[in-house]
Amino acid sequence: MGPAPPVRTLITSSCRTALIHAVRGIDSGRFQACPATPPLPHGINTMKRLLLCCLLATTLAACSSTTPQQAASTGSNAINKPSATLATTDAASAAQAALNQKIDANMAAAPGFIPFAAGDSTLDPVGKGQILRQISSIQAMKKITLRGYCYRGSSNKAKALAHARAVEVRDFLVASGVSAKRITLRINTDKKQHGVQIASK
């Protein structure tokens, strides 16, 4: 057995049924004041029909109309959706602007050096953006050397970190269309640097 129809649907259906029966009753002459009352004159009978139809139509409209609370809720949702979209767009624009500022700073300091956080071997969005800014120049290099840096005084796994950083940059370059055959990996743990130097061999 399926779920029962909503109360609102039942009320609307009942109103429509009542209206249909009322109109049919008017047309068949069954709506009389009492059985002994003689038929009303044509004009009065017509007016009675009109009044009864208006009453039933008003009842049907009341059954099917939207409540003020529902209308207010719908209007509120329609107003809030654009505001939420604008807030999301503004936040995304601000984040992109901050990212671009960091990339600009790295490009101004040393375009070919991709910084990494100390103790980390993950290429972050700033590093990826920095590489993409100069991807055309990198693709034009016949031979590419990636030298991973991690100062040995900052970690007992400096060599592993330096190599992992170089691998991260290599994989990103390959994903960006650079042939892996043209790339050579090197490491350096003597300098107090954390990153990868991209150079033409």
C-alpha atoms as a PDB file:
ATOM      1  CA  MET A   1       0.000   0.000   0.000  1.00  0.00           C
ATOM      2  CA  GLY A   2       1.477   3.344  -1.092  1.00  0.00           C
ATOM      3  CA  PRO A   3       1.830   6.447   1.130  1.00  0.00           C
ATOM      4  CA  ALA A   4      -1.300   8.460   1.840  1.00  0.00           C
ATOM      5  CA  PRO A   5      -1.690  11.631  -0.244  1.00  0.00           C
ATOM      6  CA  PRO A   6      -0.983  14.943   1.552  1.00  0.00           C
ATOM      7  CA  VAL A   7      -3.867  16.596   3.397  1.00  0.00           C
ATOM      8  CA  ARG A   8      -3.601  19.588   1.089  1.00  0.00           C
ATOM      9  CA  THR A   9      -4.167  17.331  -1.942  1.00  0.00           C
ATOM     10  CA  LEU A  10      -7.207  15.697  -0.315  1.00  0.00           C
ATOM     11  CA  ILE A  11      -8.765  19.086   0.509  1.00  0.00           C
ATOM     12  CA  THR A  12      -8.227  20.404  -3.011  1.00  0.00           C
ATOM     13  CA  SER A  13      -9.692  17.228  -4.516  1.00  0.00           C
ATOM     14  CA  SER A  14     -12.730  17.423  -2.224  1.00  0.00           C
ATOM     15  CA  CYS A  15     -13.336  21.070  -3.160  1.00  0.00           C
ATOM     16  CA  ARG A  16     -13.214  20.274  -6.845  1.00  0.00           C
ATOM     17  CA  THR A  17     -15.641  17.369  -6.394  1.00  0.00           C
ATOM     18  CA  ALA A  18     -18.034  19.604  -4.450  1.00  0.00           C
ATOM     19  CA  LEU A  19     -17.932  22.235  -7.167  1.00  0.00           C
ATOM     20  CA  ILE A  20     -18.679  19.682  -9.897  1.00  0.00           C
ATOM     21  CA  HIS A  21     -21.644  18.219  -7.981  1.00  0.00           C
ATOM     22  CA  ALA A  22     -22.962  21.688  -7.189  1.00  0.00           C
ATOM     23  CA  VAL A  23     -22.924  22.786 -10.813  1.00  0.00           C
ATOM     24  CA  ARG A  24     -24.602  19.561 -11.887  1.00  0.00           C
ATOM     25  CA  GLY A  25     -27.215  20.035  -9.168  1.00  0.00           C
ATOM     26  CA  ILE A  26     -27.941  23.562 -10.354  1.00  0.00           C
ATOM     27  CA  ASP A  27     -28.331  22.409 -13.934  1.00  0.00           C
ATOM     28  CA  SER A  28     -30.701  19.576 -12.968  1.00  0.00           C
ATOM     29  CA  GLY A  29     -32.826  21.834 -10.756  1.00  0.00           C
ATOM     30  CA  ARG A  30     -32.184  19.860  -7.580  1.00  0.00           C
ATOM     31  CA  PHE A  31     -31.190  22.913  -5.501  1.00  0.00           C
ATOM     32  CA  GLN A  32     -34.606  24.079  -4.226  1.00  0.00           C
ATOM     33  CA  ALA A  33     -35.446  25.784  -0.969  1.00  0.00           C
ATOM     34  CA  CYS A  34     -37.743  22.806  -0.138  1.00  0.00           C
ATOM     35  CA  PRO A  35     -39.711  20.232  -2.148  1.00  0.00           C
ATOM     36  CA  ALA A  36     -42.974  22.141  -1.723  1.00  0.00           C
ATOM     37  CA  THR A  37     -41.562  25.429  -2.973  1.00  0.00           C
ATOM     38  CA  PRO A  38     -42.542  26.157  -6.579  1.00  0.00           C
ATOM     39  CA  PRO A  39     -39.776  26.768  -9.123  1.00  0.00           C
ATOM     40  CA  LEU A  40     -38.234  30.233  -8.927  1.00  0.00           C
ATOM     41  CA  PRO A  41     -38.591  32.665 -11.789  1.00  0.00           C
ATOM     42  CA  HIS A  42     -35.888  32.391 -14.441  1.00  0.00           C
ATOM     43  CA  GLY A  43     -34.023  35.596 -13.417  1.00  0.00           C
ATOM     44  CA  ILE A  44     -33.923  34.736  -9.714  1.00  0.00           C
ATOM     45  CA  ASN A  45     -32.926  31.154 -10.441  1.00  0.00           C
ATOM     46  CA  THR A  46     -30.065  32.388 -12.637  1.00  0.00           C
ATOM     47  CA  MET A  47     -28.858  34.781  -9.926  1.00  0.00           C
ATOM     48  CA  LYS A  48     -28.973  31.962  -7.411  1.00  0.00           C
ATOM     49  CA  ARG A  49     -26.831  29.835  -9.677  1.00  0.00           C
ATOM     50  CA  LEU A  50     -24.286  32.613 -10.105  1.00  0.00           C
ATOM     51  CA  LEU A  51     -24.030  33.259  -6.359  1.00  0.00           C
ATOM     52  CA  LEU A  52     -23.603  29.578  -5.578  1.00  0.00           C
ATOM     53  CA  CYS A  53     -20.928  29.170  -8.271  1.00  0.00           C
ATOM     54  CA  CYS A  54     -19.026  32.192  -6.920  1.00  0.00           C
ATOM     55  CA  LEU A  55     -19.148  30.762  -3.398  1.00  0.00           C
ATOM     56  CA  LEU A  56     -17.854  27.365  -4.492  1.00  0.00           C
ATOM     57  CA  ALA A  57     -15.150  28.901  -6.706  1.00  0.00           C
ATOM     58  CA  THR A  58     -13.915  31.000  -3.757  1.00  0.00           C
ATOM     59  CA  THR A  59     -13.766  27.882  -1.584  1.00  0.00           C
ATOM     60  CA  LEU A  60     -11.778  26.008  -4.237  1.00  0.00           C
ATOM     61  CA  ALA A  61      -9.319  28.891  -4.579  1.00  0.00           C
ATOM     62  CA  ALA A  62      -8.799  28.943  -0.814  1.00  0.00           C
ATOM     63  CA  CYS A  63      -8.077  25.203  -0.830  1.00  0.00           C
ATOM     64  CA  SER A  64      -5.422  25.401  -3.534  1.00  0.00           C
ATOM     65  CA  SER A  65      -3.750  28.728  -2.722  1.00  0.00           C
ATOM     66  CA  THR A  66      -0.200  29.032  -1.363  1.00  0.00           C
ATOM     67  CA  THR A  67       0.058  30.016   2.287  1.00  0.00           C
ATOM     68  CA  PRO A  68       1.842  33.299   3.153  1.00  0.00           C
ATOM     69  CA  GLN A  69       4.487  31.338   5.056  1.00  0.00           C
ATOM     70  CA  GLN A  70       5.278  29.218   1.972  1.00  0.00           C
ATOM     71  CA  ALA A  71       5.425  32.294  -0.231  1.00  0.00           C
ATOM     72  CA  ALA A  72       7.747  34.058   2.200  1.00  0.00           C
ATOM     73  CA  SER A  73      10.005  31.004   2.389  1.00  0.00           C
ATOM     74  CA  THR A  74      10.215  30.754  -1.402  1.00  0.00           C
ATOM     75  CA  GLY A  75      10.990  34.445  -1.743  1.00  0.00           C
ATOM     76  CA  SER A  76      13.643  34.277   0.963  1.00  0.00           C
ATOM     77  CA  ASN A  77      15.391  31.372  -0.760  1.00  0.00           C
ATOM     78  CA  ALA A  78      15.360  33.207  -4.080  1.00  0.00           C
ATOM     79  CA  ILE A  79      16.959  36.259  -2.468  1.00  0.00           C
ATOM     80  CA  ASN A  80      19.573  34.336  -0.479  1.00  0.00           C
ATOM     81  CA  LYS A  81      20.858  32.185  -3.378  1.00  0.00           C
ATOM     82  CA  PRO A  82      22.398  35.078  -5.374  1.00  0.00           C
ATOM     83  CA  SER A  83      23.973  36.451  -2.181  1.00  0.00           C
ATOM     84  CA  ALA A  84      25.582  33.093  -1.393  1.00  0.00           C
ATOM     85  CA  THR A  85      26.855  32.809  -4.965  1.00  0.00           C
ATOM     86  CA  LEU A  86      28.394  36.281  -4.814  1.00  0.00           C
ATOM     87  CA  ALA A  87      30.098  35.497  -1.496  1.00  0.00           C
ATOM     88  CA  THR A  88      31.592  32.295  -2.928  1.00  0.00           C
ATOM     89  CA  THR A  89      32.803  34.120  -6.037  1.00  0.00           C
ATOM     90  CA  ASP A  90      34.397  36.891  -3.960  1.00  0.00           C
ATOM     91  CA  ALA A  91      36.194  34.357  -1.749  1.00  0.00           C
ATOM     92  CA  ALA A  92      37.534  32.480  -4.788  1.00  0.00           C
ATOM     93  CA  SER A  93      38.730  35.724  -6.382  1.00  0.00           C
ATOM     94  CA  ALA A  94      40.507  36.766  -3.182  1.00  0.00           C
ATOM     95  CA  ALA A  95      42.221  33.368  -2.890  1.00  0.00           C
ATOM     96  CA  GLN A  96      43.368  33.520  -6.519  1.00  0.00           C
ATOM     97  CA  ALA A  97      44.713  37.043  -6.034  1.00  0.00           C
ATOM     98  CA  ALA A  98      46.719  35.943  -2.972  1.00  0.00           C
ATOM     99  CA  LEU A  99      48.114  32.974  -4.911  1.00  0.00           C
ATOM    100  CA  ASN A 100      49.160  35.202  -7.809  1.00  0.00           C
ATOM    101  CA  GLN A 101      50.953  37.567  -5.422  1.00  0.00           C
ATOM    102  CA  LYS A 102      53.054  34.707  -4.017  1.00  0.00           C
ATOM    103  CA  ILE A 103      53.896  33.473  -7.519  1.00  0.00           C
ATOM    104  CA  ASP A 104      54.879  37.000  -8.558  1.00  0.00           C
ATOM    105  CA  ALA A 105      57.187  37.262  -5.534  1.00  0.00           C
ATOM    106  CA  ASN A 106      58.920  33.968  -6.381  1.00  0.00           C
ATOM    107  CA  MET A 107      59.285  34.934 -10.033  1.00  0.00           C
ATOM    108  CA  ALA A 108      60.835  38.260  -9.052  1.00  0.00           C
ATOM    109  CA  ALA A 109      63.291  36.632  -6.617  1.00  0.00           C
ATOM    110  CA  ALA A 110      64.451  33.624  -8.693  1.00  0.00           C
ATOM    111  CA  PRO A 111      62.250  32.301 -11.522  1.00  0.00           C
ATOM    112  CA  GLY A 112      64.064  28.981 -11.848  1.00  0.00           C
ATOM    113  CA  PHE A 113      64.072  28.132  -8.135  1.00  0.00           C
ATOM    114  CA  ILE A 114      60.920  26.429  -6.847  1.00  0.00           C
ATOM    115  CA  PRO A 115      60.723  26.804  -3.032  1.00  0.00           C
ATOM    116  CA  PHE A 116      59.527  23.974  -0.774  1.00  0.00           C
ATOM    117  CA  ALA A 117      58.514  24.154   2.876  1.00  0.00           C
ATOM    118  CA  ALA A 118      61.146  22.827   5.282  1.00  0.00           C
ATOM    119  CA  GLY A 119      60.643  19.118   5.893  1.00  0.00           C
ATOM    120  CA  ASP A 120      58.115  18.843   3.033  1.00  0.00           C
ATOM    121  CA  SER A 121      58.441  17.289  -0.408  1.00  0.00           C
ATOM    122  CA  THR A 122      55.027  18.254  -1.818  1.00  0.00           C
ATOM    123  CA  LEU A 123      54.850  20.721  -4.702  1.00  0.00           C
ATOM    124  CA  ASP A 124      52.295  23.304  -3.584  1.00  0.00           C
ATOM    125  CA  PRO A 125      49.998  25.466  -5.780  1.00  0.00           C
ATOM    126  CA  VAL A 126      52.490  28.351  -5.668  1.00  0.00           C
ATOM    127  CA  GLY A 127      55.271  26.138  -7.023  1.00  0.00           C
ATOM    128  CA  LYS A 128      53.002  24.725  -9.712  1.00  0.00           C
ATOM    129  CA  GLY A 129      51.940  28.212 -10.744  1.00  0.00           C
ATOM    130  CA  GLN A 130      55.556  29.335 -10.871  1.00  0.00           C
ATOM    131  CA  ILE A 131      56.440  26.442 -13.196  1.00  0.00           C
ATOM    132  CA  LEU A 132      53.442  27.072 -15.440  1.00  0.00           C
ATOM    133  CA  ARG A 133      54.412  30.746 -15.776  1.00  0.00           C
ATOM    134  CA  GLN A 134      57.610  29.638 -17.549  1.00  0.00           C
ATOM    135  CA  ILE A 135      56.572  26.288 -19.016  1.00  0.00           C
ATOM    136  CA  SER A 136      57.186  27.472 -22.591  1.00  0.00           C
ATOM    137  CA  SER A 137      60.812  28.342 -21.785  1.00  0.00           C
ATOM    138  CA  ILE A 138      61.317  25.023 -19.992  1.00  0.00           C
ATOM    139  CA  GLN A 139      59.850  23.051 -22.893  1.00  0.00           C
ATOM    140  CA  ALA A 140      62.315  24.784 -25.214  1.00  0.00           C
ATOM    141  CA  MET A 141      65.297  23.433 -23.226  1.00  0.00           C
ATOM    142  CA  LYS A 142      67.010  20.482 -24.898  1.00  0.00           C
ATOM    143  CA  LYS A 143      68.349  19.112 -21.600  1.00  0.00           C
ATOM    144  CA  ILE A 144      66.937  19.935 -18.180  1.00  0.00           C
ATOM    145  CA  THR A 145      68.610  19.529 -14.803  1.00  0.00           C
ATOM    146  CA  LEU A 146      66.496  19.470 -11.664  1.00  0.00           C
ATOM    147  CA  ARG A 147      68.595  19.932  -8.542  1.00  0.00           C
ATOM    148  CA  GLY A 148      66.788  19.208  -5.313  1.00  0.00           C
ATOM    149  CA  TYR A 149      67.928  21.108  -2.227  1.00  0.00           C
ATOM    150  CA  CYS A 150      67.518  20.209   1.440  1.00  0.00           C
ATOM    151  CA  TYR A 151      69.980  21.430   4.047  1.00  0.00           C
ATOM    152  CA  ARG A 152      71.382  18.437   5.919  1.00  0.00           C
ATOM    153  CA  GLY A 153      71.554  20.395   9.153  1.00  0.00           C
ATOM    154  CA  SER A 154      67.750  20.671   9.194  1.00  0.00           C
ATOM    155  CA  SER A 155      66.939  16.983   8.703  1.00  0.00           C
ATOM    156  CA  ASN A 156      68.566  13.597   9.058  1.00  0.00           C
ATOM    157  CA  LYS A 157      66.770  12.628   5.854  1.00  0.00           C
ATOM    158  CA  ALA A 158      68.058  15.557   3.838  1.00  0.00           C
ATOM    159  CA  LYS A 159      69.163  13.467   0.854  1.00  0.00           C
ATOM    160  CA  ALA A 160      65.835  11.665   0.626  1.00  0.00           C
ATOM    161  CA  LEU A 161      63.918  14.944   0.862  1.00  0.00           C
ATOM    162  CA  ALA A 162      66.108  16.644  -1.738  1.00  0.00           C
ATOM    163  CA  HIS A 163      65.568  13.754  -4.147  1.00  0.00           C
ATOM    164  CA  ALA A 164      61.810  13.600  -3.458  1.00  0.00           C
ATOM    165  CA  ARG A 165      61.486  17.306  -4.258  1.00  0.00           C
ATOM    166  CA  ALA A 166      63.294  16.891  -7.560  1.00  0.00           C
ATOM    167  CA  VAL A 167      60.998  13.968  -8.397  1.00  0.00           C
ATOM    168  CA  GLU A 168      57.915  16.077  -7.599  1.00  0.00           C
ATOM    169  CA  VAL A 169      58.992  18.798 -10.015  1.00  0.00           C
ATOM    170  CA  ARG A 170      59.940  16.256 -12.670  1.00  0.00           C
ATOM    171  CA  ASP A 171      56.537  14.556 -12.466  1.00  0.00           C
ATOM    172  CA  PHE A 172      54.755  17.897 -12.774  1.00  0.00           C
ATOM    173  CA  LEU A 173      56.855  18.857 -15.792  1.00  0.00           C
ATOM    174  CA  VAL A 174      56.103  15.532 -17.465  1.00  0.00           C
ATOM    175  CA  ALA A 175      52.378  16.025 -16.774  1.00  0.00           C
ATOM    176  CA  SER A 176      52.726  19.457 -18.402  1.00  0.00           C
ATOM    177  CA  GLY A 177      54.149  18.003 -21.620  1.00  0.00           C
ATOM    178  CA  VAL A 178      57.911  17.883 -21.012  1.00  0.00           C
ATOM    179  CA  SER A 179      59.623  14.643 -22.043  1.00  0.00           C
ATOM    180  CA  ALA A 180      61.061  12.707 -19.088  1.00  0.00           C
ATOM    181  CA  LYS A 181      64.022  11.652 -21.254  1.00  0.00           C
ATOM    182  CA  ARG A 182      65.281  15.236 -21.256  1.00  0.00           C
ATOM    183  CA  ILE A 183      65.320  15.523 -17.460  1.00  0.00           C
ATOM    184  CA  THR A 184      68.238  14.723 -15.139  1.00  0.00           C
ATOM    185  CA  LEU A 185      67.931  14.710 -11.339  1.00  0.00           C
ATOM    186  CA  ARG A 186      70.579  15.984  -8.924  1.00  0.00           C
ATOM    187  CA  ILE A 187      70.612  16.764  -5.175  1.00  0.00           C
ATOM    188  CA  ASN A 188      72.437  19.189  -2.885  1.00  0.00           C
ATOM    189  CA  THR A 189      72.422  19.087   0.923  1.00  0.00           C
ATOM    190  CA  ASP A 190      75.216  21.590   1.573  1.00  0.00           C
ATOM    191  CA  LYS A 191      73.379  24.853   0.934  1.00  0.00           C
ATOM    192  CA  LYS A 192      70.800  26.183   3.348  1.00  0.00           C
ATOM    193  CA  GLN A 193      68.045  25.997   0.777  1.00  0.00           C
ATOM    194  CA  HIS A 194      64.799  24.090   0.451  1.00  0.00           C
ATOM    195  CA  GLY A 195      63.528  23.714  -3.091  1.00  0.00           C
ATOM    196  CA  VAL A 196      64.370  22.672  -6.629  1.00  0.00           C
ATOM    197  CA  GLN A 197      66.478  24.560  -9.142  1.00  0.00           C
ATOM    198  CA  ILE A 198      65.412  24.200 -12.788  1.00  0.00           C
ATOM    199  CA  ALA A 199      68.307  24.756 -15.169  1.00  0.00           C
ATOM    200  CA  SER A 200      69.251  24.058 -18.764  1.00  0.00           C
ATOM    201  CA  LYS A 201      72.048  21.476 -18.840  1.00  0.00           C
END
